[in-house]
C-alpha atoms as a PDB file:
ATOM      1  CA  MET A   1      32.575  98.035 159.978  1.00  0.00           C
ATOM      2  CA  PRO A   2      31.263  96.264 156.998  1.00  0.00           C
ATOM      3  CA  ALA A   3      27.728  95.054 157.374  1.00  0.00           C
ATOM      4  CA  GLU A   4      27.251  91.347 158.009  1.00  0.00           C
ATOM      5  CA  PRO A   5      25.822  89.591 155.295  1.00  0.00           C
ATOM      6  CA  GLY A   6      22.103  89.060 155.587  1.00  0.00           C
ATOM      7  CA  VAL A   7      19.072  87.574 153.805  1.00  0.00           C
ATOM      8  CA  ASP A   8      18.924  90.363 151.347  1.00  0.00           C
ATOM      9  CA  ASP A   9      22.485  90.048 150.131  1.00  0.00           C
ATOM     10  CA  VAL A  10      22.002  86.514 148.721  1.00  0.00           C
ATOM     11  CA  PHE A  11      22.890  86.378 144.781  1.00  0.00           C
ATOM     12  CA  ASP A  12      20.039  85.841 142.466  1.00  0.00           C
ATOM     13  CA  PRO A  13      20.914  84.914 138.804  1.00  0.00           C
ATOM     14  CA  ALA A  14      17.726  86.423 137.773  1.00  0.00           C
ATOM     15  CA  ASP A  15      19.222  89.851 138.796  1.00  0.00           C
ATOM     16  CA  GLU A  16      22.303  89.201 136.421  1.00  0.00           C
ATOM     17  CA  PHE A  17      19.985  88.376 133.387  1.00  0.00           C
ATOM     18  CA  PRO A  18      16.692  89.888 133.688  1.00  0.00           C
ATOM     19  CA  GLU A  19      13.867  88.478 131.649  1.00  0.00           C
ATOM     20  CA  HIS A  20      13.357  91.424 129.671  1.00  0.00           C
ATOM     21  CA  ALA A  21      16.343  93.746 128.500  1.00  0.00           C
ATOM     22  CA  PRO A  22      15.949  97.283 129.107  1.00  0.00           C
ATOM     23  CA  ALA A  23      14.747  99.319 126.307  1.00  0.00           C
ATOM     24  CA  VAL A  24      17.367 100.860 123.996  1.00  0.00           C
ATOM     25  CA  GLY A  25      16.830 104.449 122.995  1.00  0.00           C
ATOM     26  CA  GLY A  26      16.493 105.612 119.437  1.00  0.00           C
ATOM     27  CA  SER A  27      19.883 107.410 119.156  1.00  0.00           C
ATOM     28  CA  ARG A  28      21.592 104.190 120.265  1.00  0.00           C
ATOM     29  CA  ARG A  29      20.028 102.228 117.346  1.00  0.00           C
ATOM     30  CA  TRP A  30      21.217 104.681 114.883  1.00  0.00           C
ATOM     31  CA  PHE A  31      24.788 104.339 116.161  1.00  0.00           C
ATOM     32  CA  LEU A  32      24.689 100.597 115.852  1.00  0.00           C
ATOM     33  CA  ALA A  33      23.448 100.989 112.268  1.00  0.00           C
ATOM     34  CA  LEU A  34      26.271 103.304 111.580  1.00  0.00           C
ATOM     35  CA  LEU A  35      28.855 100.837 113.097  1.00  0.00           C
ATOM     36  CA  VAL A  36      27.318  98.229 110.891  1.00  0.00           C
ATOM     37  CA  VAL A  37      27.675 100.282 107.687  1.00  0.00           C
ATOM     38  CA  MET A  38      31.142 101.323 108.529  1.00  0.00           C
ATOM     39  CA  ALA A  39      32.141  97.729 108.915  1.00  0.00           C
ATOM     40  CA  VAL A  40      30.736  96.597 105.562  1.00  0.00           C
ATOM     41  CA  GLY A  41      32.269  99.567 103.931  1.00  0.00           C
ATOM     42  CA  GLY A  42      35.531  98.835 105.388  1.00  0.00           C
ATOM     43  CA  GLY A  43      35.417  95.194 104.151  1.00  0.00           C
ATOM     44  CA  VAL A  44      34.498  96.318 100.664  1.00  0.00           C
ATOM     45  CA  LEU A  45      37.384  98.785 100.613  1.00  0.00           C
ATOM     46  CA  ALA A  46      39.738  96.230 101.884  1.00  0.00           C
ATOM     47  CA  TRP A  47      38.715  93.911  99.233  1.00  0.00           C
ATOM     48  CA  TYR A  48      38.974  96.387  96.584  1.00  0.00           C
ATOM     49  CA  ASN A  49      42.385  97.419  97.775  1.00  0.00           C
ATOM     50  CA  THR A  50      43.533  93.779  97.760  1.00  0.00           C
ATOM     51  CA  ARG A  51      41.779  92.395  94.802  1.00  0.00           C
ATOM     52  CA  PRO A  52      44.178  90.653  92.097  1.00  0.00           C
ATOM     53  CA  GLU A  53      44.638  92.632  88.742  1.00  0.00           C
ATOM     54  CA  THR A  54      43.318  90.814  85.647  1.00  0.00           C
ATOM     55  CA  SER A  55      43.556  91.091  81.918  1.00  0.00           C
ATOM     56  CA  VAL A  56      41.939  89.727  78.833  1.00  0.00           C
ATOM     57  CA  VAL A  57      43.717  86.981  76.780  1.00  0.00           C
ATOM     58  CA  PRO A  58      44.604  88.738  73.329  1.00  0.00           C
ATOM     59  CA  GLU A  59      44.021  87.023  70.067  1.00  0.00           C
ATOM     60  CA  LEU A  60      47.319  85.104  69.310  1.00  0.00           C
ATOM     61  CA  ALA A  61      46.173  82.541  66.690  1.00  0.00           C
ATOM     62  CA  GLY A  62      47.901  83.140  63.326  1.00  0.00           C
ATOM     63  CA  LEU A  63      50.825  85.048  64.890  1.00  0.00           C
ATOM     64  CA  ARG A  64      54.391  83.723  64.613  1.00  0.00           C
ATOM     65  CA  GLN A  65      55.582  82.424  67.870  1.00  0.00           C
ATOM     66  CA  GLY A  66      57.834  85.454  68.592  1.00  0.00           C
ATOM     67  CA  ALA A  67      55.224  87.965  67.835  1.00  0.00           C
ATOM     68  CA  ALA A  68      52.704  86.056  69.985  1.00  0.00           C
ATOM     69  CA  LEU A  69      55.085  86.298  72.916  1.00  0.00           C
ATOM     70  CA  ASN A  70      55.348  89.982  72.657  1.00  0.00           C
ATOM     71  CA  GLN A  71      51.575  90.351  72.753  1.00  0.00           C
ATOM     72  CA  LEU A  72      51.166  88.362  76.023  1.00  0.00           C
ATOM     73  CA  GLY A  73      51.551  91.258  78.240  1.00  0.00           C
ATOM     74  CA  PRO A  74      51.153  90.437  81.783  1.00  0.00           C
ATOM     75  CA  PHE A  75      50.824  86.716  81.185  1.00  0.00           C
ATOM     76  CA  GLU A  76      53.408  84.009  81.239  1.00  0.00           C
ATOM     77  CA  ALA A  77      53.799  81.543  78.319  1.00  0.00           C
ATOM     78  CA  THR A  78      54.021  77.737  77.942  1.00  0.00           C
ATOM     79  CA  ILE A  79      54.916  76.624  74.418  1.00  0.00           C
ATOM     80  CA  ILE A  80      53.707  73.238  73.121  1.00  0.00           C
ATOM     81  CA  GLU A  81      54.087  72.121  69.477  1.00  0.00           C
ATOM     82  CA  GLU A  82      51.535  70.308  67.548  1.00  0.00           C
ATOM     83  CA  ALA A  83      51.338  69.181  63.882  1.00  0.00           C
ATOM     84  CA  SER A  84      48.902  71.092  61.412  1.00  0.00           C
ATOM     85  CA  GLU A  85      47.940  70.423  57.934  1.00  0.00           C
ATOM     86  CA  THR A  86      46.869  74.170  57.565  1.00  0.00           C
ATOM     87  CA  VAL A  87      49.104  76.140  59.624  1.00  0.00           C
ATOM     88  CA  GLU A  88      52.546  77.092  58.598  1.00  0.00           C
ATOM     89  CA  PRO A  89      55.460  76.060  61.114  1.00  0.00           C
ATOM     90  CA  GLY A  90      56.227  78.370  63.716  1.00  0.00           C
ATOM     91  CA  VAL A  91      52.766  79.982  63.715  1.00  0.00           C
ATOM     92  CA  VAL A  92      50.387  79.925  66.713  1.00  0.00           C
ATOM     93  CA  ILE A  93      47.280  77.485  66.055  1.00  0.00           C
ATOM     94  CA  ARG A  94      45.506  78.708  69.215  1.00  0.00           C
ATOM     95  CA  SER A  95      46.105  79.686  72.736  1.00  0.00           C
ATOM     96  CA  GLU A  96      44.645  77.808  75.799  1.00  0.00           C
ATOM     97  CA  PRO A  97      42.565  79.580  77.403  1.00  0.00           C
ATOM     98  CA  ALA A  98      41.256  81.154  74.073  1.00  0.00           C
ATOM     99  CA  ALA A  99      41.269  84.726  73.226  1.00  0.00           C
ATOM    100  CA  GLY A 100      38.938  86.896  75.275  1.00  0.00           C
ATOM    101  CA  THR A 101      39.230  85.019  78.415  1.00  0.00           C
ATOM    102  CA  THR A 102      39.807  87.165  81.601  1.00  0.00           C
ATOM    103  CA  LEU A 103      42.670  86.033  83.809  1.00  0.00           C
ATOM    104  CA  GLU A 104      44.648  87.353  86.603  1.00  0.00           C
ATOM    105  CA  ASN A 105      47.818  88.832  85.642  1.00  0.00           C
ATOM    106  CA  GLY A 106      50.899  86.393  85.721  1.00  0.00           C
ATOM    107  CA  SER A 107      48.603  83.441  84.663  1.00  0.00           C
ATOM    108  CA  LYS A 108      50.054  81.017  82.453  1.00  0.00           C
ATOM    109  CA  ILE A 109      48.915  80.949  78.945  1.00  0.00           C
ATOM    110  CA  THR A 110      49.681  77.890  76.679  1.00  0.00           C
ATOM    111  CA  LEU A 111      50.634  78.689  73.128  1.00  0.00           C
ATOM    112  CA  VAL A 112      50.095  75.714  70.663  1.00  0.00           C
ATOM    113  CA  VAL A 113      52.589  76.312  67.850  1.00  0.00           C
ATOM    114  CA  SER A 114      52.453  74.525  64.549  1.00  0.00           C
ATOM    115  CA  THR A 115      55.299  72.246  63.497  1.00  0.00           C
ATOM    116  CA  GLY A 116      53.549  72.118  59.940  1.00  0.00           C
ATOM    117  CA  PRO A 117      52.043  68.932  58.465  1.00  0.00           C
ATOM    118  CA  ALA A 118      52.654  65.690  60.349  1.00  0.00           C
ATOM    119  CA  PRO A 119      55.390  63.214  58.955  1.00  0.00           C
ATOM    120  CA  ARG A 120      53.960  60.867  56.345  1.00  0.00           C
ATOM    121  CA  ALA A 121      54.745  56.963  56.663  1.00  0.00           C
ATOM    122  CA  LEU A 122      55.778  55.584  53.303  1.00  0.00           C
ATOM    123  CA  PRO A 123      53.526  52.918  52.070  1.00  0.00           C
ATOM    124  CA  GLU A 124      54.336  49.950  50.135  1.00  0.00           C
ATOM    125  CA  LEU A 125      53.600  50.485  46.469  1.00  0.00           C
ATOM    126  CA  VAL A 126      55.020  47.389  44.797  1.00  0.00           C
ATOM    127  CA  GLY A 127      52.271  45.481  43.053  1.00  0.00           C
ATOM    128  CA  LEU A 128      50.020  48.333  42.642  1.00  0.00           C
ATOM    129  CA  THR A 129      48.672  49.639  39.533  1.00  0.00           C
ATOM    130  CA  LEU A 130      49.870  53.250  38.513  1.00  0.00           C
ATOM    131  CA  ALA A 131      46.391  54.517  39.462  1.00  0.00           C
ATOM    132  CA  ASP A 132      46.234  52.893  42.851  1.00  0.00           C
ATOM    133  CA  ALA A 133      49.738  54.096  43.698  1.00  0.00           C
ATOM    134  CA  THR A 134      48.862  57.615  42.699  1.00  0.00           C
ATOM    135  CA  ALA A 135      45.888  57.605  44.749  1.00  0.00           C
ATOM    136  CA  GLN A 136      47.430  56.306  47.798  1.00  0.00           C
ATOM    137  CA  LEU A 137      50.204  58.898  47.694  1.00  0.00           C
ATOM    138  CA  GLY A 138      47.826  61.540  46.891  1.00  0.00           C
ATOM    139  CA  GLU A 139      45.911  60.796  50.170  1.00  0.00           C
ATOM    140  CA  LEU A 140      49.174  61.254  52.008  1.00  0.00           C
ATOM    141  CA  GLY A 141      50.093  64.585  50.338  1.00  0.00           C
ATOM    142  CA  LEU A 142      52.823  62.813  48.583  1.00  0.00           C
ATOM    143  CA  VAL A 143      53.696  63.367  44.822  1.00  0.00           C
ATOM    144  CA  LEU A 144      54.351  60.388  42.380  1.00  0.00           C
ATOM    145  CA  ILE A 145      56.631  60.609  39.487  1.00  0.00           C
ATOM    146  CA  GLU A 146      57.458  57.852  36.971  1.00  0.00           C
ATOM    147  CA  ALA A 147      60.805  56.555  36.099  1.00  0.00           C
ATOM    148  CA  GLU A 148      61.528  54.720  32.841  1.00  0.00           C
ATOM    149  CA  PRO A 149      59.711  51.512  32.754  1.00  0.00           C
ATOM    150  CA  GLN A 150      61.343  48.178  32.851  1.00  0.00           C
ATOM    151  CA  PHE A 151      60.773  44.895  31.184  1.00  0.00           C
ATOM    152  CA  ASP A 152      59.679  42.018  33.360  1.00  0.00           C
ATOM    153  CA  GLU A 153      58.747  38.568  32.391  1.00  0.00           C
ATOM    154  CA  VAL A 154      56.293  38.107  35.120  1.00  0.00           C
ATOM    155  CA  VAL A 155      54.637  41.432  36.233  1.00  0.00           C
ATOM    156  CA  VAL A 156      51.947  42.811  33.751  1.00  0.00           C
ATOM    157  CA  PRO A 157      52.545  46.276  32.087  1.00  0.00           C
ATOM    158  CA  GLY A 158      51.519  49.193  34.246  1.00  0.00           C
ATOM    159  CA  VAL A 159      52.213  47.658  37.688  1.00  0.00           C
ATOM    160  CA  VAL A 160      54.931  49.010  39.982  1.00  0.00           C
ATOM    161  CA  LEU A 161      58.147  47.171  40.123  1.00  0.00           C
ATOM    162  CA  SER A 162      59.851  49.232  42.623  1.00  0.00           C
ATOM    163  CA  TRP A 163      59.872  52.643  43.953  1.00  0.00           C
ATOM    164  CA  SER A 164      62.244  55.096  45.926  1.00  0.00           C
ATOM    165  CA  VAL A 165      62.299  58.624  47.276  1.00  0.00           C
ATOM    166  CA  PRO A 166      64.824  60.506  45.106  1.00  0.00           C
ATOM    167  CA  ALA A 167      65.927  62.754  47.879  1.00  0.00           C
ATOM    168  CA  ALA A 168      66.548  59.874  50.237  1.00  0.00           C
ATOM    169  CA  PRO A 169      66.989  56.733  48.191  1.00  0.00           C
ATOM    170  CA  THR A 170      67.683  54.575  51.375  1.00  0.00           C
ATOM    171  CA  LEU A 171      64.152  55.128  52.809  1.00  0.00           C
ATOM    172  CA  GLY A 172      61.814  52.165  52.742  1.00  0.00           C
ATOM    173  CA  VAL A 173      58.298  51.187  53.840  1.00  0.00           C
ATOM    174  CA  GLY A 174      57.369  52.766  57.152  1.00  0.00           C
ATOM    175  CA  ALA A 175      59.889  55.539  57.016  1.00  0.00           C
ATOM    176  CA  THR A 176      58.630  59.029  57.434  1.00  0.00           C
ATOM    177  CA  VAL A 177      58.805  61.950  55.183  1.00  0.00           C
ATOM    178  CA  THR A 178      57.262  65.368  55.073  1.00  0.00           C
ATOM    179  CA  LYS A 179      54.130  66.345  53.055  1.00  0.00           C
ATOM    180  CA  GLY A 180      54.923  67.125  49.436  1.00  0.00           C
ATOM    181  CA  THR A 181      57.823  64.688  49.244  1.00  0.00           C
ATOM    182  CA  THR A 182      58.342  63.075  45.704  1.00  0.00           C
ATOM    183  CA  VAL A 183      58.246  59.294  45.218  1.00  0.00           C
ATOM    184  CA  GLN A 184      59.599  57.771  42.030  1.00  0.00           C
ATOM    185  CA  VAL A 185      57.941  54.502  40.930  1.00  0.00           C
ATOM    186  CA  VAL A 186      59.364  52.046  38.278  1.00  0.00           C
ATOM    187  CA  LEU A 187      56.410  50.303  36.321  1.00  0.00           C
ATOM    188  CA  SER A 188      56.529  47.053  34.432  1.00  0.00           C
ATOM    189  CA  ALA A 189      56.768  47.306  30.697  1.00  0.00           C
ATOM    190  CA  GLY A 190      55.879  43.702  30.454  1.00  0.00           C
ATOM    191  CA  PRO A 191      57.980  41.149  28.767  1.00  0.00           C
ATOM    192  CA  ALA A 192      60.953  42.283  26.612  1.00  0.00           C
ATOM    193  CA  PRO A 193      60.302  42.212  22.787  1.00  0.00           C
ATOM    194  CA  ARG A 194      61.669  39.069  21.124  1.00  0.00           C
ATOM    195  CA  SER A 195      63.914  39.271  17.911  1.00  0.00           C
ATOM    196  CA  VAL A 196      62.561  36.578  15.545  1.00  0.00           C
ATOM    197  CA  PRO A 197      65.532  34.109  14.580  1.00  0.00           C
ATOM    198  CA  ALA A 198      66.257  32.895  11.149  1.00  0.00           C
ATOM    199  CA  LEU A 199      64.544  29.496  10.735  1.00  0.00           C
ATOM    200  CA  ALA A 200      65.307  28.579   7.181  1.00  0.00           C
ATOM    201  CA  GLY A 201      67.436  25.426   6.958  1.00  0.00           C
ATOM    202  CA  LEU A 202      66.342  24.201  10.381  1.00  0.00           C
ATOM    203  CA  THR A 203      64.392  21.026  10.866  1.00  0.00           C
ATOM    204  CA  PHE A 204      60.853  21.686  11.944  1.00  0.00           C
ATOM    205  CA  GLU A 205      61.639  20.165  15.396  1.00  0.00           C
ATOM    206  CA  ASP A 206      64.602  22.493  15.742  1.00  0.00           C
ATOM    207  CA  ALA A 207      62.759  25.619  14.675  1.00  0.00           C
ATOM    208  CA  THR A 208      59.899  24.700  17.334  1.00  0.00           C
ATOM    209  CA  LYS A 209      62.416  24.578  20.265  1.00  0.00           C
ATOM    210  CA  VAL A 210      64.191  27.722  19.197  1.00  0.00           C
ATOM    211  CA  LEU A 211      60.830  29.638  19.042  1.00  0.00           C
ATOM    212  CA  GLN A 212      59.597  28.071  22.210  1.00  0.00           C
ATOM    213  CA  ASP A 213      62.871  29.138  24.232  1.00  0.00           C
ATOM    214  CA  LEU A 214      62.049  32.749  23.283  1.00  0.00           C
ATOM    215  CA  GLY A 215      58.604  32.542  24.307  1.00  0.00           C
ATOM    216  CA  LEU A 216      57.044  32.437  20.636  1.00  0.00           C
ATOM    217  CA  VAL A 217      54.719  30.186  19.130  1.00  0.00           C
ATOM    218  CA  ILE A 218      55.381  28.125  15.876  1.00  0.00           C
ATOM    219  CA  PHE A 219      52.576  27.400  13.239  1.00  0.00           C
ATOM    220  CA  ARG A 220      53.142  25.057  10.442  1.00  0.00           C
ATOM    221  CA  VAL A 221      51.501  25.950   7.167  1.00  0.00           C
ATOM    222  CA  PRO A 222      51.063  23.213   4.463  1.00  0.00           C
ATOM    223  CA  ASP A 223      54.296  21.635   3.377  1.00  0.00           C
ATOM    224  CA  GLU A 224      55.811  22.456   0.068  1.00  0.00           C
ATOM    225  CA  PHE A 225      57.769  20.661  -2.484  1.00  0.00           C
ATOM    226  CA  ASP A 226      61.239  22.099  -2.883  1.00  0.00           C
ATOM    227  CA  VAL A 227      64.007  21.098  -5.438  1.00  0.00           C
ATOM    228  CA  ASN A 228      66.772  22.460  -3.267  1.00  0.00           C
ATOM    229  CA  VAL A 229      65.543  22.104   0.391  1.00  0.00           C
ATOM    230  CA  PRO A 230      65.543  18.586   1.942  1.00  0.00           C
ATOM    231  CA  ALA A 231      62.273  17.170   3.202  1.00  0.00           C
ATOM    232  CA  GLY A 232      61.471  18.173   6.915  1.00  0.00           C
ATOM    233  CA  THR A 233      63.564  21.419   6.591  1.00  0.00           C
ATOM    234  CA  VAL A 234      62.033  24.876   6.975  1.00  0.00           C
ATOM    235  CA  ILE A 235      61.891  26.689   3.651  1.00  0.00           C
ATOM    236  CA  ARG A 236      60.620  30.018   4.684  1.00  0.00           C
ATOM    237  CA  GLN A 237      58.796  31.981   7.740  1.00  0.00           C
ATOM    238  CA  ASP A 238      56.247  34.748   7.593  1.00  0.00           C
ATOM    239  CA  ILE A 239      57.857  37.133   9.834  1.00  0.00           C
ATOM    240  CA  PRO A 240      61.384  38.070   8.705  1.00  0.00           C
ATOM    241  CA  ALA A 241      64.369  37.254  10.884  1.00  0.00           C
ATOM    242  CA  GLY A 242      65.474  40.140  13.145  1.00  0.00           C
ATOM    243  CA  SER A 243      61.783  41.415  13.538  1.00  0.00           C
ATOM    244  CA  ALA A 244      60.760  42.611  16.983  1.00  0.00           C
ATOM    245  CA  VAL A 245      57.561  40.810  18.188  1.00  0.00           C
ATOM    246  CA  GLU A 246      55.819  40.584  21.656  1.00  0.00           C
ATOM    247  CA  ARG A 247      56.269  37.363  23.700  1.00  0.00           C
ATOM    248  CA  GLY A 248      53.815  34.751  22.529  1.00  0.00           C
ATOM    249  CA  ALA A 249      53.653  35.967  19.032  1.00  0.00           C
ATOM    250  CA  GLN A 250      53.077  33.313  16.288  1.00  0.00           C
ATOM    251  CA  VAL A 251      55.615  32.718  13.575  1.00  0.00           C
ATOM    252  CA  SER A 252      54.331  30.733  10.600  1.00  0.00           C
ATOM    253  CA  VAL A 253      56.790  28.437   8.687  1.00  0.00           C
ATOM    254  CA  ALA A 254      56.549  26.297   5.526  1.00  0.00           C
ATOM    255  CA  VAL A 255      58.405  22.982   5.644  1.00  0.00           C
ATOM    256  CA  SER A 256      60.002  21.187   2.653  1.00  0.00           C
ATOM    257  CA  LYS A 257      58.534  17.956   1.309  1.00  0.00           C
ATOM    258  CA  GLY A 258      61.706  17.638  -0.729  1.00  0.00           C
ATOM    259  CA  GLN A 259      61.819  17.418  -4.557  1.00  0.00           C
ATOM    260  CA  ASP A 260      58.561  16.900  -6.336  1.00  0.00           C
ATOM    261  CA  VAL A 261      59.186  13.561  -8.056  1.00  0.00           C
ATOM    262  CA  ILE A 262      57.011  12.062 -10.694  1.00  0.00           C
ATOM    263  CA  VAL A 263      56.999   8.728 -12.512  1.00  0.00           C
ATOM    264  CA  MET A 264      57.215   8.018 -16.199  1.00  0.00           C
ATOM    265  CA  PRO A 265      54.090   6.435 -17.428  1.00  0.00           C
ATOM    266  CA  ALA A 266      54.180   3.522 -19.929  1.00  0.00           C
ATOM    267  CA  LEU A 267      53.760   4.908 -23.600  1.00  0.00           C
ATOM    268  CA  ALA A 268      54.319   2.052 -25.820  1.00  0.00           C
ATOM    269  CA  GLY A 269      51.516   1.274 -28.121  1.00  0.00           C
ATOM    270  CA  LEU A 270      49.734   4.605 -27.547  1.00  0.00           C
ATOM    271  CA  ASP A 271      48.837   7.223 -30.019  1.00  0.00           C
ATOM    272  CA  TYR A 272      50.111  10.858 -29.780  1.00  0.00           C
ATOM    273  CA  ASN A 273      47.035  12.333 -28.131  1.00  0.00           C
ATOM    274  CA  THR A 274      47.082   9.648 -25.353  1.00  0.00           C
ATOM    275  CA  ILE A 275      50.835   9.888 -24.900  1.00  0.00           C
ATOM    276  CA  VAL A 276      50.491  13.730 -24.349  1.00  0.00           C
ATOM    277  CA  ALA A 277      47.535  13.220 -21.905  1.00  0.00           C
ATOM    278  CA  ALA A 278      49.582  10.605 -19.988  1.00  0.00           C
ATOM    279  CA  LEU A 279      52.741  12.660 -19.703  1.00  0.00           C
ATOM    280  CA  GLN A 280      51.004  15.916 -18.623  1.00  0.00           C
ATOM    281  CA  GLY A 281      48.852  14.054 -16.251  1.00  0.00           C
ATOM    282  CA  ALA A 282      52.028  12.750 -14.628  1.00  0.00           C
ATOM    283  CA  GLY A 283      53.403  16.205 -14.541  1.00  0.00           C
ATOM    284  CA  PHE A 284      55.795  16.181 -17.472  1.00  0.00           C
ATOM    285  CA  VAL A 285      56.097  18.774 -19.997  1.00  0.00           C
ATOM    286  CA  ILE A 286      56.107  17.919 -23.638  1.00  0.00           C
ATOM    287  CA  GLY A 287      59.257  18.978 -25.214  1.00  0.00           C
ATOM    288  CA  SER A 288      60.114  18.493 -29.026  1.00  0.00           C
ATOM    289  CA  VAL A 289      58.204  16.011 -31.185  1.00  0.00           C
ATOM    290  CA  VAL A 290      59.883  14.419 -34.197  1.00  0.00           C
ATOM    291  CA  GLY A 291      58.226  12.297 -36.863  1.00  0.00           C
ATOM    292  CA  ASP A 292      54.524  12.042 -37.914  1.00  0.00           C
ATOM    293  CA  THR A 293      52.361  11.928 -34.899  1.00  0.00           C
ATOM    294  CA  THR A 294      49.939   9.936 -36.920  1.00  0.00           C
ATOM    295  CA  GLN A 295      52.461   7.202 -37.136  1.00  0.00           C
ATOM    296  CA  ALA A 296      53.643   4.802 -34.579  1.00  0.00           C
ATOM    297  CA  PHE A 297      55.371   6.048 -31.385  1.00  0.00           C
ATOM    298  CA  GLN A 298      59.133   5.142 -31.318  1.00  0.00           C
ATOM    299  CA  SER A 299      60.606   6.631 -28.397  1.00  0.00           C
ATOM    300  CA  ALA A 300      60.839   9.247 -25.542  1.00  0.00           C
ATOM    301  CA  THR A 301      63.891  11.033 -24.342  1.00  0.00           C
ATOM    302  CA  VAL A 302      64.912  13.368 -21.527  1.00  0.00           C
ATOM    303  CA  ASN A 303      67.927  15.530 -22.294  1.00  0.00           C
ATOM    304  CA  ALA A 304      68.596  13.070 -25.283  1.00  0.00           C
ATOM    305  CA  ALA A 305      68.593   9.976 -22.867  1.00  0.00           C
ATOM    306  CA  PRO A 306      66.142   7.312 -23.595  1.00  0.00           C
ATOM    307  CA  VAL A 307      63.452   6.849 -20.646  1.00  0.00           C
ATOM    308  CA  VAL A 308      62.010   3.772 -19.295  1.00  0.00           C
ATOM    309  CA  ASP A 309      58.624   3.060 -17.797  1.00  0.00           C
ATOM    310  CA  ALA A 310      58.274   4.067 -13.837  1.00  0.00           C
ATOM    311  CA  GLN A 311      61.629   6.020 -14.083  1.00  0.00           C
ATOM    312  CA  GLN A 312      61.602   8.923 -11.696  1.00  0.00           C
ATOM    313  CA  PHE A 313      61.836  12.656 -12.680  1.00  0.00           C
ATOM    314  CA  LEU A 314      61.372  16.041 -11.138  1.00  0.00           C
ATOM    315  CA  ARG A 315      57.878  17.446 -11.861  1.00  0.00           C
ATOM    316  CA  GLY A 316      57.975  19.883 -14.980  1.00  0.00           C
ATOM    317  CA  THR A 317      60.773  17.699 -16.821  1.00  0.00           C
ATOM    318  CA  LYS A 318      60.536  17.958 -20.503  1.00  0.00           C
ATOM    319  CA  VAL A 319      59.948  14.924 -22.508  1.00  0.00           C
ATOM    320  CA  ASP A 320      60.875  14.673 -26.233  1.00  0.00           C
ATOM    321  CA  LEU A 321      59.023  12.306 -28.327  1.00  0.00           C
ATOM    322  CA  THR A 322      59.725  10.667 -31.581  1.00  0.00           C
ATOM    323  CA  PHE A 323      57.390   8.921 -34.130  1.00  0.00           C
ATOM    324  CA  ALA A 324      57.804   7.072 -37.185  1.00  0.00           C
ATOM    325  CA  PRO A 325      58.190   9.360 -40.375  1.00  0.00           C
ATOM    326  CA  THR A 326      55.581   9.818 -42.916  1.00  0.00           C
ATOM    327  CA  PRO A 327      55.452   6.703 -45.275  1.00  0.00           C
ATOM    328  CA  ALA A 328      56.657   7.474 -48.749  1.00  0.00           C
ATOM    329  CA  PRO A 329      53.762   7.678 -51.244  1.00  0.00           C
ATOM    330  CA  VAL A 330      53.156   4.282 -53.145  1.00  0.00           C
ATOM    331  CA  VAL A 331      53.589   4.704 -56.914  1.00  0.00           C
ATOM    332  CA  THR A 332      51.563   2.295 -59.225  1.00  0.00           C
ATOM    333  CA  ILE A 333      52.886   1.716 -62.534  1.00  0.00           C
ATOM    334  CA  VAL A 334      50.409   0.527 -65.283  1.00  0.00           C
ATOM    335  CA  PRO A 335      51.910  -1.640 -67.807  1.00  0.00           C
ATOM    336  CA  GLY A 336      51.666  -0.687 -71.489  1.00  0.00           C
ATOM    337  CA  GLY A 337      50.799   2.809 -70.421  1.00  0.00           C
END
């Protein structure tokens, strides 16, 4: 029969968990250490067997896109494009991550591929000097060429009147072109030359208007007598008709005062020397002299026509003079001689 429970059979927790663990022997300690070493080694082996494979990113910059893709090996590629002033189109500028980086096989590498220089926006050139236009295009990597200059009444010489892109004439300000594109400019040649008109025979007022309408300036030199040209009419000009001159050039003209009329002085009662002085002083020329100049003055004629005091003639008219003849000698007869 089973024994009845007694006082000695009551459960004591201290019996289950003694205050001091029983001492472990030396062989057991070595066994436990071996287990620990085996566990660590197994973990290392497991990590080694399951670790990801890695490779180094190769140098891809400077390769063409196709060649770079062939060099990627275990990596996958993502292509993005970027403008470059120095790298040719289709050539790799750089990789991301950079060459020399260690990555897990199968990682994505971004290849930044050049599209060449960035497009240039065409600037406004009208109103610029040739030097400024050249500099502005040069900064953009564009090439300036000159077309035949054109005359312009407003824009000063050497300033851009218009421009265009020969390869695409419809392009305007703000349109984009590639680096190296040629831009042709048309410069002002200033006002067109003026052909000097013929002014002889015009009144001074009419000649002035004709020149002013052409943008020329008239200058009146001292008037001159002219037998054939009426007073107030242009006799001559210093620049021949048909000559080409710049706008604003000065043309000098001489205007007729008409015929140079002189007045016959009073000659009656004067001796020869006084008559000559009076006629020459008035602008006449002494013609033929008939008679004895020491005798009395008889008459003055022009072209055989008698003249009167204050009669008008042209300067330089010849006057013929007539004096009384030399008296006959007086013969004295002595009676009874």
